[in-house]
Amino acid sequence: MQPTQQNEKILGIEVLRFLCACSILVWHYWHFSFGNDLAVKSEQPFHVLFYLFYTKGSYAVQIFWMISGYIFFWKYRNAIADRSVGFKKFCILRISRLYPLHVATLLLVLVMQYLFFAKNGKFFIYQDNGVKSFILHIFMANFWVPNATYSFNAPIWSVSLEIIVYFIFFFCTRYLGQRMWQILPIFGAALLLLLVSGYGNIFWCMLFFYAGGLVNHVQEFMQSIPKQQRKAILWNAFLLIVEIGCCLKILHADRAFRVMLFGAVAIYVFVEYVKIPSNFEKFVEMLGNLTYSSYLIHFPVQLGIALVYSHMGRTIPFESHIFFLAFFAIVFVMSRITFVKIEVVAMKKIRKAFLG
């Protein structure tokens, strides 16, 4: 039994995705201080309200990876396993969704960074903006190389890693299977590779992605259990997760493992228990559609604002609550525009050209 969906969307997940996108925007707000790390200082606007986002907001990336894993297992695992979705179709579906906006924002950042450099003698925040980095960005491979650095529209780094995991997911699902007992060894292999490699980013991404896939399997299994039994199982599972989290804390394990536990609970809760009134379904779906565009557009917006203030010879008023709200408003307005005018249009044209 699959989760309730609206237009092929799990609306609870869309709410969680939007919250993660907001978390990233708050986390990166420190860019306006031109590299001075003020994430834990009370001068930041709405610091008390968004304290968790200011201090732990970067972990939203890992939650994004888990959400991707959940959605891919929900949407593609059966289709790939029974071969109704082949490798070509899978690639076109992913490329058409991710690549157009990536290229558009990459070129925009390229132009604006060099305008900023001409005015200030250095780039804005990310300094590695040479030819090699640009070529890697063109192929969305900027974090495939050893000792990768943040460059150009740097937030794309997490998507760069996801591209590799997409391929792993496709071939493992096609040739190894998609049932829970078949993906548990893959999850274990990701954990082993992570520990052996010294916590390499690609293995973190793979681990979180497959953790999201396991949540999908668990959620599907739980729906087959009578409601009264389900409550008892969920309560005991929650207590077990809390205990595991405490053990990880005592053992000083990497905080990301605790984030994984939190993400698993959050995804399950948002899928099962967050019910959207019918009058708000389209609005929530719209917010979910803005997550990728806001993720890629927020740094170009920051760079554009920095250019304007640099041209005027004024300091960015990053401590202003009004400026904070204006920044969020600009990001989401621009995200909506880019989603409608770039993402949707390009996606339809690419899919029509290659898939018919």
Foldseek 3Di string as FASTA:
>chain_A
DAFDADPLHLLLLLVLLLVLLVLVLLCPLCLLVQPDLCLQPPLFPPCVVNVCSSVPSVLSLLLVLLSLLQSCLRPPLVCLQVVVQDPVNLVLLVCLQAPFLLVVQQVLLLVLQVLVCVLPVAGRPFGPEDPVQSVCSNVLQQQVDPPRDQYRLRLSVSVSLVVVLSVVVSVQSHPQHQAPVSCVVVLVVLVVCCVVVVRDPSSSSNNSSVLSSVLNNVLVVLVVDDPVVSVVVVVVVVVVLVVVLVVCVVVVHDCSVNVSSVSSVSVSCSRPPVDDPPVCSVVSVLSSLLSSLLSRCLVSLSSVVVSVCSVVVHRDPSSDNVSVVVSVVVSSVVSSCCCVPTSVVSSVVSCVVSPD
